[in-house]
Amino acid sequence: PVHAAVAALAIQRDHGSWATVFTVHTDQGDV
């Protein structure tokens, strides 16, 4: 699990990454 978290963080911080889609949880549902 630690290796997975480290890999995910590296992808998220990579300036060329496509990791730009987020789920925002609201009282009216997910966006």
PDB file of all heavy atoms in Angstrom:
ATOM      1  N   PRO A   1       0.810  -1.215   0.000  1.00  0.00           N
ATOM      2  CA  PRO A   1       0.000   0.000   0.000  1.00  0.00           C
ATOM      3  C   PRO A   1       0.850   1.275   0.000  1.00  0.00           C
ATOM      4  O   PRO A   1       0.491   2.258  -0.650  1.00  0.00           O
ATOM      5  CB  PRO A   1      -0.823  -0.108   1.285  1.00  0.00           C
ATOM      6  CG  PRO A   1      -0.928  -1.578   1.533  1.00  0.00           C
ATOM      7  CD  PRO A   1       0.402  -2.143   1.084  1.00  0.00           C
ATOM      8  N   VAL A   2       1.969   1.244   0.695  1.00  0.00           N
ATOM      9  CA  VAL A   2       2.843   2.427   0.719  1.00  0.00           C
ATOM     10  C   VAL A   2       3.414   2.692  -0.667  1.00  0.00           C
ATOM     11  O   VAL A   2       3.444   3.831  -1.137  1.00  0.00           O
ATOM     12  CB  VAL A   2       3.967   2.264   1.767  1.00  0.00           C
ATOM     13  CG1 VAL A   2       4.982   3.393   1.656  1.00  0.00           C
ATOM     14  CG2 VAL A   2       3.379   2.209   3.175  1.00  0.00           C
ATOM     15  N   HIS A   3       3.856   1.642  -1.359  1.00  0.00           N
ATOM     16  CA  HIS A   3       4.378   1.807  -2.717  1.00  0.00           C
ATOM     17  C   HIS A   3       3.290   2.359  -3.646  1.00  0.00           C
ATOM     18  O   HIS A   3       3.563   3.194  -4.517  1.00  0.00           O
ATOM     19  CB  HIS A   3       4.920   0.493  -3.270  1.00  0.00           C
ATOM     20  CG  HIS A   3       6.199   0.074  -2.634  1.00  0.00           C
ATOM     21  ND1 HIS A   3       6.443  -1.240  -2.287  1.00  0.00           N
ATOM     22  CD2 HIS A   3       7.304   0.765  -2.275  1.00  0.00           C
ATOM     23  CE1 HIS A   3       7.644  -1.328  -1.751  1.00  0.00           C
ATOM     24  NE2 HIS A   3       8.190  -0.117  -1.727  1.00  0.00           N
ATOM     25  N   ALA A   4       2.057   1.912  -3.456  1.00  0.00           N
ATOM     26  CA  ALA A   4       0.949   2.411  -4.276  1.00  0.00           C
ATOM     27  C   ALA A   4       0.715   3.898  -4.017  1.00  0.00           C
ATOM     28  O   ALA A   4       0.517   4.669  -4.948  1.00  0.00           O
ATOM     29  CB  ALA A   4      -0.322   1.615  -3.984  1.00  0.00           C
ATOM     30  N   ALA A   5       0.753   4.301  -2.756  1.00  0.00           N
ATOM     31  CA  ALA A   5       0.556   5.707  -2.411  1.00  0.00           C
ATOM     32  C   ALA A   5       1.688   6.572  -2.965  1.00  0.00           C
ATOM     33  O   ALA A   5       1.443   7.666  -3.499  1.00  0.00           O
ATOM     34  CB  ALA A   5       0.452   5.886  -0.901  1.00  0.00           C
ATOM     35  N   VAL A   6       2.919   6.089  -2.877  1.00  0.00           N
ATOM     36  CA  VAL A   6       4.062   6.835  -3.407  1.00  0.00           C
ATOM     37  C   VAL A   6       3.938   6.994  -4.924  1.00  0.00           C
ATOM     38  O   VAL A   6       4.176   8.075  -5.475  1.00  0.00           O
ATOM     39  CB  VAL A   6       5.391   6.143  -3.023  1.00  0.00           C
ATOM     40  CG1 VAL A   6       6.562   6.724  -3.789  1.00  0.00           C
ATOM     41  CG2 VAL A   6       5.630   6.253  -1.519  1.00  0.00           C
ATOM     42  N   ALA A   7       3.528   5.935  -5.609  1.00  0.00           N
ATOM     43  CA  ALA A   7       3.363   6.001  -7.063  1.00  0.00           C
ATOM     44  C   ALA A   7       2.243   6.971  -7.435  1.00  0.00           C
ATOM     45  O   ALA A   7       2.377   7.759  -8.371  1.00  0.00           O
ATOM     46  CB  ALA A   7       3.069   4.614  -7.628  1.00  0.00           C
ATOM     47  N   ALA A   8       1.137   6.943  -6.696  1.00  0.00           N
ATOM     48  CA  ALA A   8       0.023   7.851  -6.974  1.00  0.00           C
ATOM     49  C   ALA A   8       0.446   9.307  -6.760  1.00  0.00           C
ATOM     50  O   ALA A   8       0.113  10.183  -7.563  1.00  0.00           O
ATOM     51  CB  ALA A   8      -1.174   7.519  -6.089  1.00  0.00           C
ATOM     52  N   LEU A   9       1.194   9.563  -5.700  1.00  0.00           N
ATOM     53  CA  LEU A   9       1.654  10.926  -5.438  1.00  0.00           C
ATOM     54  C   LEU A   9       2.580  11.411  -6.552  1.00  0.00           C
ATOM     55  O   LEU A   9       2.474  12.561  -7.002  1.00  0.00           O
ATOM     56  CB  LEU A   9       2.365  10.989  -4.092  1.00  0.00           C
ATOM     57  CG  LEU A   9       2.864  12.365  -3.662  1.00  0.00           C
ATOM     58  CD1 LEU A   9       1.703  13.344  -3.534  1.00  0.00           C
ATOM     59  CD2 LEU A   9       3.633  12.253  -2.360  1.00  0.00           C
ATOM     60  N   ALA A  10       3.456  10.538  -7.019  1.00  0.00           N
ATOM     61  CA  ALA A  10       4.363  10.920  -8.111  1.00  0.00           C
ATOM     62  C   ALA A  10       3.577  11.266  -9.375  1.00  0.00           C
ATOM     63  O   ALA A  10       3.888  12.240 -10.063  1.00  0.00           O
ATOM     64  CB  ALA A  10       5.353   9.783  -8.389  1.00  0.00           C
ATOM     65  N   ILE A  11       2.546  10.494  -9.669  1.00  0.00           N
ATOM     66  CA  ILE A  11       1.711  10.765 -10.848  1.00  0.00           C
ATOM     67  C   ILE A  11       0.976  12.090 -10.672  1.00  0.00           C
ATOM     68  O   ILE A  11       0.912  12.911 -11.583  1.00  0.00           O
ATOM     69  CB  ILE A  11       0.724   9.609 -11.096  1.00  0.00           C
ATOM     70  CG1 ILE A  11       1.497   8.367 -11.546  1.00  0.00           C
ATOM     71  CG2 ILE A  11      -0.350   9.992 -12.097  1.00  0.00           C
ATOM     72  CD1 ILE A  11       0.685   7.093 -11.516  1.00  0.00           C
ATOM     73  N   GLN A  12       0.448  12.323  -9.482  1.00  0.00           N
ATOM     74  CA  GLN A  12      -0.309  13.546  -9.229  1.00  0.00           C
ATOM     75  C   GLN A  12       0.574  14.792  -9.340  1.00  0.00           C
ATOM     76  O   GLN A  12       0.135  15.834  -9.808  1.00  0.00           O
ATOM     77  CB  GLN A  12      -0.926  13.472  -7.831  1.00  0.00           C
ATOM     78  CG  GLN A  12      -2.214  14.191  -7.695  1.00  0.00           C
ATOM     79  CD  GLN A  12      -2.843  13.956  -6.346  1.00  0.00           C
ATOM     80  OE1 GLN A  12      -2.168  13.825  -5.337  1.00  0.00           O
ATOM     81  NE2 GLN A  12      -4.160  13.897  -6.328  1.00  0.00           N
ATOM     82  N   ARG A  13       1.828  14.677  -8.939  1.00  0.00           N
ATOM     83  CA  ARG A  13       2.738  15.834  -8.944  1.00  0.00           C
ATOM     84  C   ARG A  13       3.473  16.029 -10.263  1.00  0.00           C
ATOM     85  O   ARG A  13       4.116  17.052 -10.457  1.00  0.00           O
ATOM     86  CB  ARG A  13       3.751  15.689  -7.818  1.00  0.00           C
ATOM     87  CG  ARG A  13       3.120  15.877  -6.460  1.00  0.00           C
ATOM     88  CD  ARG A  13       4.145  15.863  -5.384  1.00  0.00           C
ATOM     89  NE  ARG A  13       3.541  16.205  -4.096  1.00  0.00           N
ATOM     90  CZ  ARG A  13       4.166  16.114  -2.944  1.00  0.00           C
ATOM     91  NH1 ARG A  13       5.420  15.706  -2.901  1.00  0.00           N
ATOM     92  NH2 ARG A  13       3.557  16.437  -1.837  1.00  0.00           N
ATOM     93  N   ASP A  14       3.377  15.065 -11.164  1.00  0.00           N
ATOM     94  CA  ASP A  14       4.041  15.165 -12.463  1.00  0.00           C
ATOM     95  C   ASP A  14       3.364  16.251 -13.295  1.00  0.00           C
ATOM     96  O   ASP A  14       2.159  16.191 -13.549  1.00  0.00           O
ATOM     97  CB  ASP A  14       3.958  13.818 -13.171  1.00  0.00           C
ATOM     98  CG  ASP A  14       4.591  13.804 -14.547  1.00  0.00           C
ATOM     99  OD1 ASP A  14       5.039  14.869 -15.036  1.00  0.00           O
ATOM    100  OD2 ASP A  14       4.645  12.721 -15.148  1.00  0.00           O
ATOM    101  N   HIS A  15       4.133  17.257 -13.723  1.00  0.00           N
ATOM    102  CA  HIS A  15       3.551  18.379 -14.470  1.00  0.00           C
ATOM    103  C   HIS A  15       2.930  17.948 -15.795  1.00  0.00           C
ATOM    104  O   HIS A  15       2.047  18.621 -16.308  1.00  0.00           O
ATOM    105  CB  HIS A  15       4.603  19.461 -14.712  1.00  0.00           C
ATOM    106  CG  HIS A  15       5.008  20.153 -13.455  1.00  0.00           C
ATOM    107  ND1 HIS A  15       4.178  20.991 -12.755  1.00  0.00           N
ATOM    108  CD2 HIS A  15       6.163  20.106 -12.748  1.00  0.00           C
ATOM    109  CE1 HIS A  15       4.790  21.437 -11.684  1.00  0.00           C
ATOM    110  NE2 HIS A  15       6.003  20.925 -11.645  1.00  0.00           N
ATOM    111  N   GLY A  16       3.360  16.836 -16.346  1.00  0.00           N
ATOM    112  CA  GLY A  16       2.790  16.337 -17.589  1.00  0.00           C
ATOM    113  C   GLY A  16       1.648  15.357 -17.372  1.00  0.00           C
ATOM    114  O   GLY A  16       1.130  14.769 -18.309  1.00  0.00           O
ATOM    115  N   SER A  17       1.247  15.191 -16.127  1.00  0.00           N
ATOM    116  CA  SER A  17       0.236  14.201 -15.771  1.00  0.00           C
ATOM    117  C   SER A  17      -1.157  14.603 -16.237  1.00  0.00           C
ATOM    118  O   SER A  17      -1.509  15.773 -16.304  1.00  0.00           O
ATOM    119  CB  SER A  17       0.219  14.010 -14.254  1.00  0.00           C
ATOM    120  OG  SER A  17      -0.842  13.162 -13.867  1.00  0.00           O
ATOM    121  N   TRP A  18      -1.957  13.596 -16.524  1.00  0.00           N
ATOM    122  CA  TRP A  18      -3.363  13.794 -16.872  1.00  0.00           C
ATOM    123  C   TRP A  18      -4.249  13.581 -15.647  1.00  0.00           C
ATOM    124  O   TRP A  18      -5.452  13.410 -15.770  1.00  0.00           O
ATOM    125  CB  TRP A  18      -3.768  12.814 -17.968  1.00  0.00           C
ATOM    126  CG  TRP A  18      -3.156  13.149 -19.287  1.00  0.00           C
ATOM    127  CD1 TRP A  18      -1.867  12.899 -19.676  1.00  0.00           C
ATOM    128  CD2 TRP A  18      -3.773  13.809 -20.375  1.00  0.00           C
ATOM    129  NE1 TRP A  18      -1.664  13.355 -20.938  1.00  0.00           N
ATOM    130  CE2 TRP A  18      -2.828  13.920 -21.407  1.00  0.00           C
ATOM    131  CE3 TRP A  18      -5.049  14.308 -20.594  1.00  0.00           C
ATOM    132  CZ2 TRP A  18      -3.104  14.517 -22.619  1.00  0.00           C
ATOM    133  CZ3 TRP A  18      -5.326  14.896 -21.802  1.00  0.00           C
ATOM    134  CH2 TRP A  18      -4.351  15.001 -22.804  1.00  0.00           C
ATOM    135  N   ALA A  19      -3.653  13.583 -14.463  1.00  0.00           N
ATOM    136  CA  ALA A  19      -4.397  13.359 -13.215  1.00  0.00           C
ATOM    137  C   ALA A  19      -5.111  14.642 -12.814  1.00  0.00           C
ATOM    138  O   ALA A  19      -4.732  15.316 -11.863  1.00  0.00           O
ATOM    139  CB  ALA A  19      -3.448  12.900 -12.120  1.00  0.00           C
ATOM    140  N   THR A  20      -6.129  14.994 -13.567  1.00  0.00           N
ATOM    141  CA  THR A  20      -6.813  16.272 -13.363  1.00  0.00           C
ATOM    142  C   THR A  20      -8.311  16.122 -13.128  1.00  0.00           C
ATOM    143  O   THR A  20      -9.031  17.119 -13.109  1.00  0.00           O
ATOM    144  CB  THR A  20      -6.606  17.178 -14.589  1.00  0.00           C
ATOM    145  OG1 THR A  20      -7.117  16.513 -15.743  1.00  0.00           O
ATOM    146  CG2 THR A  20      -5.137  17.516 -14.799  1.00  0.00           C
ATOM    147  N   VAL A  21      -8.791  14.896 -12.957  1.00  0.00           N
ATOM    148  CA  VAL A  21     -10.226  14.678 -12.772  1.00  0.00           C
ATOM    149  C   VAL A  21     -10.478  14.300 -11.312  1.00  0.00           C
ATOM    150  O   VAL A  21      -9.852  13.380 -10.780  1.00  0.00           O
ATOM    151  CB  VAL A  21     -10.756  13.574 -13.705  1.00  0.00           C
ATOM    152  CG1 VAL A  21     -12.246  13.354 -13.483  1.00  0.00           C
ATOM    153  CG2 VAL A  21     -10.479  13.934 -15.159  1.00  0.00           C
ATOM    154  N   PHE A  22     -11.373  15.033 -10.680  1.00  0.00           N
ATOM    155  CA  PHE A  22     -11.668  14.844  -9.270  1.00  0.00           C
ATOM    156  C   PHE A  22     -13.162  14.610  -9.081  1.00  0.00           C
ATOM    157  O   PHE A  22     -13.974  15.079  -9.878  1.00  0.00           O
ATOM    158  CB  PHE A  22     -11.270  16.092  -8.471  1.00  0.00           C
ATOM    159  CG  PHE A  22      -9.808  16.405  -8.576  1.00  0.00           C
ATOM    160  CD1 PHE A  22      -9.323  17.184  -9.614  1.00  0.00           C
ATOM    161  CD2 PHE A  22      -8.916  15.909  -7.648  1.00  0.00           C
ATOM    162  CE1 PHE A  22      -7.970  17.467  -9.718  1.00  0.00           C
ATOM    163  CE2 PHE A  22      -7.560  16.185  -7.742  1.00  0.00           C
ATOM    164  CZ  PHE A  22      -7.090  16.971  -8.779  1.00  0.00           C
ATOM    165  N   THR A  23     -13.514  13.907  -8.023  1.00  0.00           N
ATOM    166  CA  THR A  23     -14.906  13.765  -7.627  1.00  0.00           C
ATOM    167  C   THR A  23     -15.115  14.624  -6.394  1.00  0.00           C
ATOM    168  O   THR A  23     -14.402  14.474  -5.402  1.00  0.00           O
ATOM    169  CB  THR A  23     -15.258  12.295  -7.320  1.00  0.00           C
ATOM    170  OG1 THR A  23     -14.994  11.503  -8.476  1.00  0.00           O
ATOM    171  CG2 THR A  23     -16.721  12.155  -6.925  1.00  0.00           C
ATOM    172  N   VAL A  24     -16.054  15.546  -6.494  1.00  0.00           N
ATOM    173  CA  VAL A  24     -16.388  16.414  -5.374  1.00  0.00           C
ATOM    174  C   VAL A  24     -17.707  15.919  -4.806  1.00  0.00           C
ATOM    175  O   VAL A  24     -18.709  15.825  -5.520  1.00  0.00           O
ATOM    176  CB  VAL A  24     -16.499  17.887  -5.824  1.00  0.00           C
ATOM    177  CG1 VAL A  24     -16.822  18.780  -4.630  1.00  0.00           C
ATOM    178  CG2 VAL A  24     -15.213  18.336  -6.513  1.00  0.00           C
ATOM    179  N   HIS A  25     -17.693  15.579  -3.518  1.00  0.00           N
ATOM    180  CA  HIS A  25     -18.875  15.037  -2.862  1.00  0.00           C
ATOM    181  C   HIS A  25     -19.636  16.193  -2.209  1.00  0.00           C
ATOM    182  O   HIS A  25     -19.078  16.943  -1.414  1.00  0.00           O
ATOM    183  CB  HIS A  25     -18.460  13.998  -1.822  1.00  0.00           C
ATOM    184  CG  HIS A  25     -17.555  12.943  -2.393  1.00  0.00           C
ATOM    185  ND1 HIS A  25     -18.034  11.873  -3.121  1.00  0.00           N
ATOM    186  CD2 HIS A  25     -16.206  12.826  -2.399  1.00  0.00           C
ATOM    187  CE1 HIS A  25     -16.994  11.131  -3.524  1.00  0.00           C
ATOM    188  NE2 HIS A  25     -15.885  11.693  -3.097  1.00  0.00           N
ATOM    189  N   THR A  26     -20.894  16.351  -2.608  1.00  0.00           N
ATOM    190  CA  THR A  26     -21.733  17.434  -2.091  1.00  0.00           C
ATOM    191  C   THR A  26     -22.973  16.853  -1.434  1.00  0.00           C
ATOM    192  O   THR A  26     -23.260  15.661  -1.568  1.00  0.00           O
ATOM    193  CB  THR A  26     -22.163  18.391  -3.217  1.00  0.00           C
ATOM    194  OG1 THR A  26     -23.172  17.750  -4.001  1.00  0.00           O
ATOM    195  CG2 THR A  26     -20.990  18.805  -4.096  1.00  0.00           C
ATOM    196  N   ASP A  27     -23.718  17.701  -0.748  1.00  0.00           N
ATOM    197  CA  ASP A  27     -24.984  17.268  -0.143  1.00  0.00           C
ATOM    198  C   ASP A  27     -25.993  16.836  -1.199  1.00  0.00           C
ATOM    199  O   ASP A  27     -26.884  16.052  -0.928  1.00  0.00           O
ATOM    200  CB  ASP A  27     -25.595  18.399   0.699  1.00  0.00           C
ATOM    201  CG  ASP A  27     -24.779  18.693   1.947  1.00  0.00           C
ATOM    202  OD1 ASP A  27     -23.978  17.831   2.359  1.00  0.00           O
ATOM    203  OD2 ASP A  27     -24.938  19.805   2.498  1.00  0.00           O
ATOM    204  N   GLN A  28     -25.865  17.366  -2.423  1.00  0.00           N
ATOM    205  CA  GLN A  28     -26.793  17.039  -3.508  1.00  0.00           C
ATOM    206  C   GLN A  28     -26.301  15.869  -4.361  1.00  0.00           C
ATOM    207  O   GLN A  28     -26.957  15.476  -5.316  1.00  0.00           O
ATOM    208  CB  GLN A  28     -27.012  18.255  -4.409  1.00  0.00           C
ATOM    209  CG  GLN A  28     -27.794  19.380  -3.773  1.00  0.00           C
ATOM    210  CD  GLN A  28     -26.943  20.196  -2.807  1.00  0.00           C
ATOM    211  OE1 GLN A  28     -25.776  20.429  -3.058  1.00  0.00           O
ATOM    212  NE2 GLN A  28     -27.534  20.610  -1.701  1.00  0.00           N
ATOM    213  N   GLY A  29     -25.137  15.322  -4.055  1.00  0.00           N
ATOM    214  CA  GLY A  29     -24.585  14.211  -4.822  1.00  0.00           C
ATOM    215  C   GLY A  29     -23.163  14.512  -5.258  1.00  0.00           C
ATOM    216  O   GLY A  29     -22.600  15.551  -4.942  1.00  0.00           O
ATOM    217  N   ASP A  30     -22.588  13.584  -5.991  1.00  0.00           N
ATOM    218  CA  ASP A  30     -21.208  13.725  -6.445  1.00  0.00           C
ATOM    219  C   ASP A  30     -21.141  14.496  -7.756  1.00  0.00           C
ATOM    220  O   ASP A  30     -22.005  14.363  -8.617  1.00  0.00           O
ATOM    221  CB  ASP A  30     -20.568  12.351  -6.644  1.00  0.00           C
ATOM    222  CG  ASP A  30     -20.400  11.598  -5.336  1.00  0.00           C
ATOM    223  OD1 ASP A  30     -20.560  12.209  -4.264  1.00  0.00           O
ATOM    224  OD2 ASP A  30     -20.098  10.391  -5.378  1.00  0.00           O
ATOM    225  N   VAL A  31     -20.088  15.303  -7.889  1.00  0.00           N
ATOM    226  CA  VAL A  31     -19.847  16.078  -9.091  1.00  0.00           C
ATOM    227  C   VAL A  31     -18.450  15.739  -9.595  1.00  0.00           C
ATOM    228  O   VAL A  31     -17.494  15.752  -8.815  1.00  0.00           O
ATOM    229  CB  VAL A  31     -19.932  17.595  -8.799  1.00  0.00           C
ATOM    230  CG1 VAL A  31     -19.610  18.402 -10.041  1.00  0.00           C
ATOM    231  CG2 VAL A  31     -21.295  17.956  -8.240  1.00  0.00           C
TER     232      VAL A  31
END
